[in-house]
Amino acid sequence: MQFNKEIDARGLNCPLPILKTKKALSEMLSGQVLHVLATDPGSVRDFQAFSKQTGNELLSHEVHDREFEYYVKRK
């Protein structure tokens, strides 16, 4: 999937992946896509809740060998 910006939150625990995502999205334009890499297993639940609360669209999330990959579209 194509994206406009990427952040690496691997090795960070809750709530840091979400805080980094929130900051990155605030610097992006509406419709742009953010790619996030994380290793915190709780991030799956966090990203789903974050999307519902903020209106930013969680386009996809995948797990690859204990690494989580998210694509979030800025509202």
PDB file of N, CA and C in Angstrom:
ATOM      1  N   MET A   1       0.850  -1.179   0.000  1.00  0.00           N
ATOM      2  CA  MET A   1       0.000   0.000   0.000  1.00  0.00           C
ATOM      3  C   MET A   1       0.898   1.246   0.000  1.00  0.00           C
ATOM      4  N   GLN A   2       0.479   2.232  -0.730  1.00  0.00           N
ATOM      5  CA  GLN A   2       1.252   3.479  -0.773  1.00  0.00           C
ATOM      6  C   GLN A   2       0.909   4.333   0.439  1.00  0.00           C
ATOM      7  N   PHE A   3       1.914   5.062   0.923  1.00  0.00           N
ATOM      8  CA  PHE A   3       1.708   5.933   2.078  1.00  0.00           C
ATOM      9  C   PHE A   3       2.526   7.204   1.908  1.00  0.00           C
ATOM     10  N   ASN A   4       2.143   8.234   2.670  1.00  0.00           N
ATOM     11  CA  ASN A   4       2.793   9.535   2.581  1.00  0.00           C
ATOM     12  C   ASN A   4       3.855   9.746   3.652  1.00  0.00           C
ATOM     13  N   LYS A   5       3.703   9.048   4.771  1.00  0.00           N
ATOM     14  CA  LYS A   5       4.635   9.213   5.880  1.00  0.00           C
ATOM     15  C   LYS A   5       4.705   7.905   6.658  1.00  0.00           C
ATOM     16  N   GLU A   6       5.847   7.661   7.283  1.00  0.00           N
ATOM     17  CA  GLU A   6       6.022   6.426   8.046  1.00  0.00           C
ATOM     18  C   GLU A   6       6.625   6.757   9.411  1.00  0.00           C
ATOM     19  N   ILE A   7       6.136   6.056  10.442  1.00  0.00           N
ATOM     20  CA  ILE A   7       6.771   6.173  11.753  1.00  0.00           C
ATOM     21  C   ILE A   7       7.093   4.774  12.266  1.00  0.00           C
ATOM     22  N   ASP A   8       8.187   4.688  12.981  1.00  0.00           N
ATOM     23  CA  ASP A   8       8.645   3.438  13.555  1.00  0.00           C
ATOM     24  C   ASP A   8       8.456   3.511  15.064  1.00  0.00           C
ATOM     25  N   ALA A   9       7.460   2.782  15.568  1.00  0.00           N
ATOM     26  CA  ALA A   9       7.182   2.762  16.998  1.00  0.00           C
ATOM     27  C   ALA A   9       7.566   1.412  17.596  1.00  0.00           C
ATOM     28  N   ARG A  10       8.426   0.675  16.902  1.00  0.00           N
ATOM     29  CA  ARG A  10       8.859  -0.630  17.412  1.00  0.00           C
ATOM     30  C   ARG A  10       9.667  -0.426  18.695  1.00  0.00           C
ATOM     31  N   GLY A  11       9.402  -1.290  19.665  1.00  0.00           N
ATOM     32  CA  GLY A  11      10.087  -1.208  20.946  1.00  0.00           C
ATOM     33  C   GLY A  11       9.416  -0.275  21.941  1.00  0.00           C
ATOM     34  N   LEU A  12       8.387   0.432  21.505  1.00  0.00           N
ATOM     35  CA  LEU A  12       7.663   1.354  22.394  1.00  0.00           C
ATOM     36  C   LEU A  12       6.385   0.695  22.900  1.00  0.00           C
ATOM     37  N   ASN A  13       6.058   0.953  24.155  1.00  0.00           N
ATOM     38  CA  ASN A  13       4.836   0.402  24.744  1.00  0.00           C
ATOM     39  C   ASN A  13       3.762   1.475  24.840  1.00  0.00           C
ATOM     40  N   CYS A  14       2.539   1.015  25.044  1.00  0.00           N
ATOM     41  CA  CYS A  14       1.380   1.881  25.191  1.00  0.00           C
ATOM     42  C   CYS A  14       1.677   2.952  26.235  1.00  0.00           C
ATOM     43  N   PRO A  15       1.358   4.180  25.993  1.00  0.00           N
ATOM     44  CA  PRO A  15       0.580   4.743  24.892  1.00  0.00           C
ATOM     45  C   PRO A  15       1.447   5.371  23.801  1.00  0.00           C
ATOM     46  N   LEU A  16       2.758   5.142  23.818  1.00  0.00           N
ATOM     47  CA  LEU A  16       3.650   5.844  22.896  1.00  0.00           C
ATOM     48  C   LEU A  16       3.366   5.622  21.411  1.00  0.00           C
ATOM     49  N   PRO A  17       3.037   4.402  20.947  1.00  0.00           N
ATOM     50  CA  PRO A  17       2.721   4.270  19.512  1.00  0.00           C
ATOM     51  C   PRO A  17       1.538   5.155  19.075  1.00  0.00           C
ATOM     52  N   ILE A  18       0.525   5.239  19.920  1.00  0.00           N
ATOM     53  CA  ILE A  18      -0.640   6.077  19.598  1.00  0.00           C
ATOM     54  C   ILE A  18      -0.269   7.557  19.658  1.00  0.00           C
ATOM     55  N   LEU A  19       0.521   7.950  20.643  1.00  0.00           N
ATOM     56  CA  LEU A  19       0.919   9.360  20.747  1.00  0.00           C
ATOM     57  C   LEU A  19       1.752   9.789  19.545  1.00  0.00           C
ATOM     58  N   LYS A  20       2.667   8.924  19.102  1.00  0.00           N
ATOM     59  CA  LYS A  20       3.478   9.231  17.914  1.00  0.00           C
ATOM     60  C   LYS A  20       2.583   9.305  16.671  1.00  0.00           C
ATOM     61  N   THR A  21       1.596   8.422  16.590  1.00  0.00           N
ATOM     62  CA  THR A  21       0.662   8.420  15.470  1.00  0.00           C
ATOM     63  C   THR A  21      -0.157   9.709  15.456  1.00  0.00           C
ATOM     64  N   LYS A  22      -0.669  10.089  16.610  1.00  0.00           N
ATOM     65  CA  LYS A  22      -1.467  11.315  16.710  1.00  0.00           C
ATOM     66  C   LYS A  22      -0.664  12.533  16.263  1.00  0.00           C
ATOM     67  N   LYS A  23       0.586  12.620  16.712  1.00  0.00           N
ATOM     68  CA  LYS A  23       1.449  13.745  16.340  1.00  0.00           C
ATOM     69  C   LYS A  23       1.718  13.750  14.834  1.00  0.00           C
ATOM     70  N   ALA A  24       2.039  12.583  14.280  1.00  0.00           N
ATOM     71  CA  ALA A  24       2.328  12.494  12.841  1.00  0.00           C
ATOM     72  C   ALA A  24       1.103  12.871  12.017  1.00  0.00           C
ATOM     73  N   LEU A  25      -0.070  12.387  12.407  1.00  0.00           N
ATOM     74  CA  LEU A  25      -1.294  12.697  11.658  1.00  0.00           C
ATOM     75  C   LEU A  25      -1.611  14.191  11.706  1.00  0.00           C
ATOM     76  N   SER A  26      -1.286  14.845  12.814  1.00  0.00           N
ATOM     77  CA  SER A  26      -1.580  16.278  12.940  1.00  0.00           C
ATOM     78  C   SER A  26      -0.746  17.107  11.963  1.00  0.00           C
ATOM     79  N   GLU A  27       0.360  16.527  11.485  1.00  0.00           N
ATOM     80  CA  GLU A  27       1.234  17.224  10.540  1.00  0.00           C
ATOM     81  C   GLU A  27       0.915  16.866   9.084  1.00  0.00           C
ATOM     82  N   MET A  28      -0.094  16.027   8.894  1.00  0.00           N
ATOM     83  CA  MET A  28      -0.436  15.558   7.543  1.00  0.00           C
ATOM     84  C   MET A  28      -1.719  16.215   7.049  1.00  0.00           C
ATOM     85  N   LEU A  29      -1.934  16.129   5.734  1.00  0.00           N
ATOM     86  CA  LEU A  29      -3.142  16.667   5.119  1.00  0.00           C
ATOM     87  C   LEU A  29      -4.249  15.615   5.102  1.00  0.00           C
ATOM     88  N   SER A  30      -5.479  16.076   5.033  1.00  0.00           N
ATOM     89  CA  SER A  30      -6.624  15.176   4.951  1.00  0.00           C
ATOM     90  C   SER A  30      -6.480  14.247   3.743  1.00  0.00           C
ATOM     91  N   GLY A  31      -6.727  12.958   3.968  1.00  0.00           N
ATOM     92  CA  GLY A  31      -6.643  11.977   2.888  1.00  0.00           C
ATOM     93  C   GLY A  31      -5.286  11.306   2.764  1.00  0.00           C
ATOM     94  N   GLN A  32      -4.267  11.851   3.431  1.00  0.00           N
ATOM     95  CA  GLN A  32      -2.948  11.233   3.359  1.00  0.00           C
ATOM     96  C   GLN A  32      -2.898   9.994   4.260  1.00  0.00           C
ATOM     97  N   VAL A  33      -1.975   9.086   3.939  1.00  0.00           N
ATOM     98  CA  VAL A  33      -1.886   7.805   4.641  1.00  0.00           C
ATOM     99  C   VAL A  33      -0.579   7.720   5.431  1.00  0.00           C
ATOM    100  N   LEU A  34      -0.724   7.288   6.679  1.00  0.00           N
ATOM    101  CA  LEU A  34       0.405   7.092   7.579  1.00  0.00           C
ATOM    102  C   LEU A  34       0.655   5.599   7.753  1.00  0.00           C
ATOM    103  N   HIS A  35       1.906   5.188   7.628  1.00  0.00           N
ATOM    104  CA  HIS A  35       2.319   3.796   7.835  1.00  0.00           C
ATOM    105  C   HIS A  35       3.006   3.722   9.192  1.00  0.00           C
ATOM    106  N   VAL A  36       2.539   2.812  10.053  1.00  0.00           N
ATOM    107  CA  VAL A  36       3.087   2.695  11.407  1.00  0.00           C
ATOM    108  C   VAL A  36       3.572   1.272  11.639  1.00  0.00           C
ATOM    109  N   LEU A  37       4.774   1.147  12.190  1.00  0.00           N
ATOM    110  CA  LEU A  37       5.324  -0.140  12.600  1.00  0.00           C
ATOM    111  C   LEU A  37       5.390  -0.155  14.125  1.00  0.00           C
ATOM    112  N   ALA A  38       4.919  -1.245  14.745  1.00  0.00           N
ATOM    113  CA  ALA A  38       4.919  -1.350  16.203  1.00  0.00           C
ATOM    114  C   ALA A  38       5.172  -2.793  16.627  1.00  0.00           C
ATOM    115  N   THR A  39       5.578  -2.964  17.879  1.00  0.00           N
ATOM    116  CA  THR A  39       5.790  -4.310  18.420  1.00  0.00           C
ATOM    117  C   THR A  39       4.918  -4.580  19.643  1.00  0.00           C
ATOM    118  N   ASP A  40       4.216  -3.581  20.138  1.00  0.00           N
ATOM    119  CA  ASP A  40       3.360  -3.737  21.317  1.00  0.00           C
ATOM    120  C   ASP A  40       2.087  -4.496  20.932  1.00  0.00           C
ATOM    121  N   PRO A  41       1.862  -5.708  21.502  1.00  0.00           N
ATOM    122  CA  PRO A  41       0.656  -6.473  21.155  1.00  0.00           C
ATOM    123  C   PRO A  41      -0.641  -5.730  21.482  1.00  0.00           C
ATOM    124  N   GLY A  42      -0.608  -4.844  22.471  1.00  0.00           N
ATOM    125  CA  GLY A  42      -1.798  -4.068  22.815  1.00  0.00           C
ATOM    126  C   GLY A  42      -2.126  -2.994  21.806  1.00  0.00           C
ATOM    127  N   SER A  43      -1.216  -2.765  20.869  1.00  0.00           N
ATOM    128  CA  SER A  43      -1.440  -1.699  19.881  1.00  0.00           C
ATOM    129  C   SER A  43      -2.608  -2.011  18.948  1.00  0.00           C
ATOM    130  N   VAL A  44      -2.928  -3.290  18.747  1.00  0.00           N
ATOM    131  CA  VAL A  44      -4.059  -3.636  17.867  1.00  0.00           C
ATOM    132  C   VAL A  44      -5.335  -3.021  18.418  1.00  0.00           C
ATOM    133  N   ARG A  45      -5.589  -3.270  19.673  1.00  0.00           N
ATOM    134  CA  ARG A  45      -6.786  -2.717  20.336  1.00  0.00           C
ATOM    135  C   ARG A  45      -6.712  -1.191  20.383  1.00  0.00           C
ATOM    136  N   ASP A  46      -5.520  -0.670  20.671  1.00  0.00           N
ATOM    137  CA  ASP A  46      -5.346   0.781  20.762  1.00  0.00           C
ATOM    138  C   ASP A  46      -5.639   1.483  19.442  1.00  0.00           C
ATOM    139  N   PHE A  47      -5.134   0.937  18.334  1.00  0.00           N
ATOM    140  CA  PHE A  47      -5.351   1.568  17.031  1.00  0.00           C
ATOM    141  C   PHE A  47      -6.815   1.500  16.603  1.00  0.00           C
ATOM    142  N   GLN A  48      -7.494   0.401  16.947  1.00  0.00           N
ATOM    143  CA  GLN A  48      -8.919   0.306  16.622  1.00  0.00           C
ATOM    144  C   GLN A  48      -9.715   1.358  17.388  1.00  0.00           C
ATOM    145  N   ALA A  49      -9.418   1.510  18.678  1.00  0.00           N
ATOM    146  CA  ALA A  49     -10.110   2.515  19.496  1.00  0.00           C
ATOM    147  C   ALA A  49      -9.761   3.931  19.038  1.00  0.00           C
ATOM    148  N   PHE A  50      -8.494   4.161  18.727  1.00  0.00           N
ATOM    149  CA  PHE A  50      -8.046   5.477  18.268  1.00  0.00           C
ATOM    150  C   PHE A  50      -8.798   5.891  16.999  1.00  0.00           C
ATOM    151  N   SER A  51      -8.948   4.974  16.071  1.00  0.00           N
ATOM    152  CA  SER A  51      -9.650   5.275  14.818  1.00  0.00           C
ATOM    153  C   SER A  51     -11.103   5.640  15.071  1.00  0.00           C
ATOM    154  N   LYS A  52     -11.763   4.882  15.939  1.00  0.00           N
ATOM    155  CA  LYS A  52     -13.168   5.171  16.243  1.00  0.00           C
ATOM    156  C   LYS A  52     -13.316   6.526  16.934  1.00  0.00           C
ATOM    157  N   GLN A  53     -12.412   6.837  17.844  1.00  0.00           N
ATOM    158  CA  GLN A  53     -12.516   8.074  18.618  1.00  0.00           C
ATOM    159  C   GLN A  53     -12.172   9.318  17.802  1.00  0.00           C
ATOM    160  N   THR A  54     -11.237   9.190  16.871  1.00  0.00           N
ATOM    161  CA  THR A  54     -10.747  10.371  16.154  1.00  0.00           C
ATOM    162  C   THR A  54     -11.354  10.545  14.766  1.00  0.00           C
ATOM    163  N   GLY A  55     -11.917   9.479  14.201  1.00  0.00           N
ATOM    164  CA  GLY A  55     -12.464   9.566  12.852  1.00  0.00           C
ATOM    165  C   GLY A  55     -11.437   9.306  11.764  1.00  0.00           C
ATOM    166  N   ASN A  56     -10.166   9.089  12.148  1.00  0.00           N
ATOM    167  CA  ASN A  56      -9.154   8.696  11.169  1.00  0.00           C
ATOM    168  C   ASN A  56      -9.391   7.223  10.822  1.00  0.00           C
ATOM    169  N   GLU A  57      -9.253   6.887   9.556  1.00  0.00           N
ATOM    170  CA  GLU A  57      -9.622   5.549   9.097  1.00  0.00           C
ATOM    171  C   GLU A  57      -8.447   4.578   9.182  1.00  0.00           C
ATOM    172  N   LEU A  58      -8.664   3.470   9.892  1.00  0.00           N
ATOM    173  CA  LEU A  58      -7.673   2.395   9.942  1.00  0.00           C
ATOM    174  C   LEU A  58      -7.881   1.550   8.689  1.00  0.00           C
ATOM    175  N   LEU A  59      -7.039   1.784   7.689  1.00  0.00           N
ATOM    176  CA  LEU A  59      -7.204   1.107   6.398  1.00  0.00           C
ATOM    177  C   LEU A  59      -6.877  -0.370   6.492  1.00  0.00           C
ATOM    178  N   SER A  60      -5.814  -0.709   7.217  1.00  0.00           N
ATOM    179  CA  SER A  60      -5.455  -2.110   7.409  1.00  0.00           C
ATOM    180  C   SER A  60      -4.487  -2.256   8.562  1.00  0.00           C
ATOM    181  N   HIS A  61      -4.477  -3.459   9.106  1.00  0.00           N
ATOM    182  CA  HIS A  61      -3.455  -3.814  10.094  1.00  0.00           C
ATOM    183  C   HIS A  61      -3.108  -5.280   9.897  1.00  0.00           C
ATOM    184  N   GLU A  62      -1.830  -5.550   9.969  1.00  0.00           N
ATOM    185  CA  GLU A  62      -1.332  -6.909   9.752  1.00  0.00           C
ATOM    186  C   GLU A  62      -0.271  -7.220  10.798  1.00  0.00           C
ATOM    187  N   VAL A  63      -0.071  -8.514  11.027  1.00  0.00           N
ATOM    188  CA  VAL A  63       0.965  -8.967  11.948  1.00  0.00           C
ATOM    189  C   VAL A  63       1.956  -9.801  11.155  1.00  0.00           C
ATOM    190  N   HIS A  64       3.232  -9.470  11.293  1.00  0.00           N
ATOM    191  CA  HIS A  64       4.300 -10.211  10.629  1.00  0.00           C
ATOM    192  C   HIS A  64       5.367 -10.532  11.676  1.00  0.00           C
ATOM    193  N   ASP A  65       5.421 -11.780  12.109  1.00  0.00           N
ATOM    194  CA  ASP A  65       6.480 -12.216  13.029  1.00  0.00           C
ATOM    195  C   ASP A  65       6.593 -11.298  14.250  1.00  0.00           C
ATOM    196  N   ARG A  66       5.487 -11.096  14.945  1.00  0.00           N
ATOM    197  CA  ARG A  66       5.388 -10.272  16.159  1.00  0.00           C
ATOM    198  C   ARG A  66       5.611  -8.783  15.926  1.00  0.00           C
ATOM    199  N   GLU A  67       5.536  -8.354  14.686  1.00  0.00           N
ATOM    200  CA  GLU A  67       5.549  -6.921  14.377  1.00  0.00           C
ATOM    201  C   GLU A  67       4.197  -6.548  13.776  1.00  0.00           C
ATOM    202  N   PHE A  68       3.694  -5.428  14.200  1.00  0.00           N
ATOM    203  CA  PHE A  68       2.383  -4.966  13.764  1.00  0.00           C
ATOM    204  C   PHE A  68       2.563  -3.813  12.791  1.00  0.00           C
ATOM    205  N   GLU A  69       1.773  -3.871  11.722  1.00  0.00           N
ATOM    206  CA  GLU A  69       1.864  -2.860  10.667  1.00  0.00           C
ATOM    207  C   GLU A  69       0.478  -2.257  10.477  1.00  0.00           C
ATOM    208  N   TYR A  70       0.413  -0.932  10.509  1.00  0.00           N
ATOM    209  CA  TYR A  70      -0.860  -0.221  10.387  1.00  0.00           C
ATOM    210  C   TYR A  70      -0.775   0.814   9.283  1.00  0.00           C
ATOM    211  N   TYR A  71      -1.906   1.002   8.606  1.00  0.00           N
ATOM    212  CA  TYR A  71      -2.071   2.088   7.639  1.00  0.00           C
ATOM    213  C   TYR A  71      -3.272   2.899   8.101  1.00  0.00           C
ATOM    214  N   VAL A  72      -3.035   4.166   8.404  1.00  0.00           N
ATOM    215  CA  VAL A  72      -4.083   5.038   8.921  1.00  0.00           C
ATOM    216  C   VAL A  72      -4.247   6.216   7.965  1.00  0.00           C
ATOM    217  N   LYS A  73      -5.492   6.434   7.540  1.00  0.00           N
ATOM    218  CA  LYS A  73      -5.802   7.542   6.634  1.00  0.00           C
ATOM    219  C   LYS A  73      -6.302   8.733   7.427  1.00  0.00           C
ATOM    220  N   ARG A  74      -5.670   9.876   7.220  1.00  0.00           N
ATOM    221  CA  ARG A  74      -6.035  11.117   7.928  1.00  0.00           C
ATOM    222  C   ARG A  74      -7.414  11.583   7.494  1.00  0.00           C
ATOM    223  N   LYS A  75      -8.243  11.927   8.476  1.00  0.00           N
ATOM    224  CA  LYS A  75      -9.608  12.387   8.153  1.00  0.00           C
ATOM    225  C   LYS A  75      -9.592  13.757   7.532  1.00  0.00           C
TER     226      LYS A  75
END
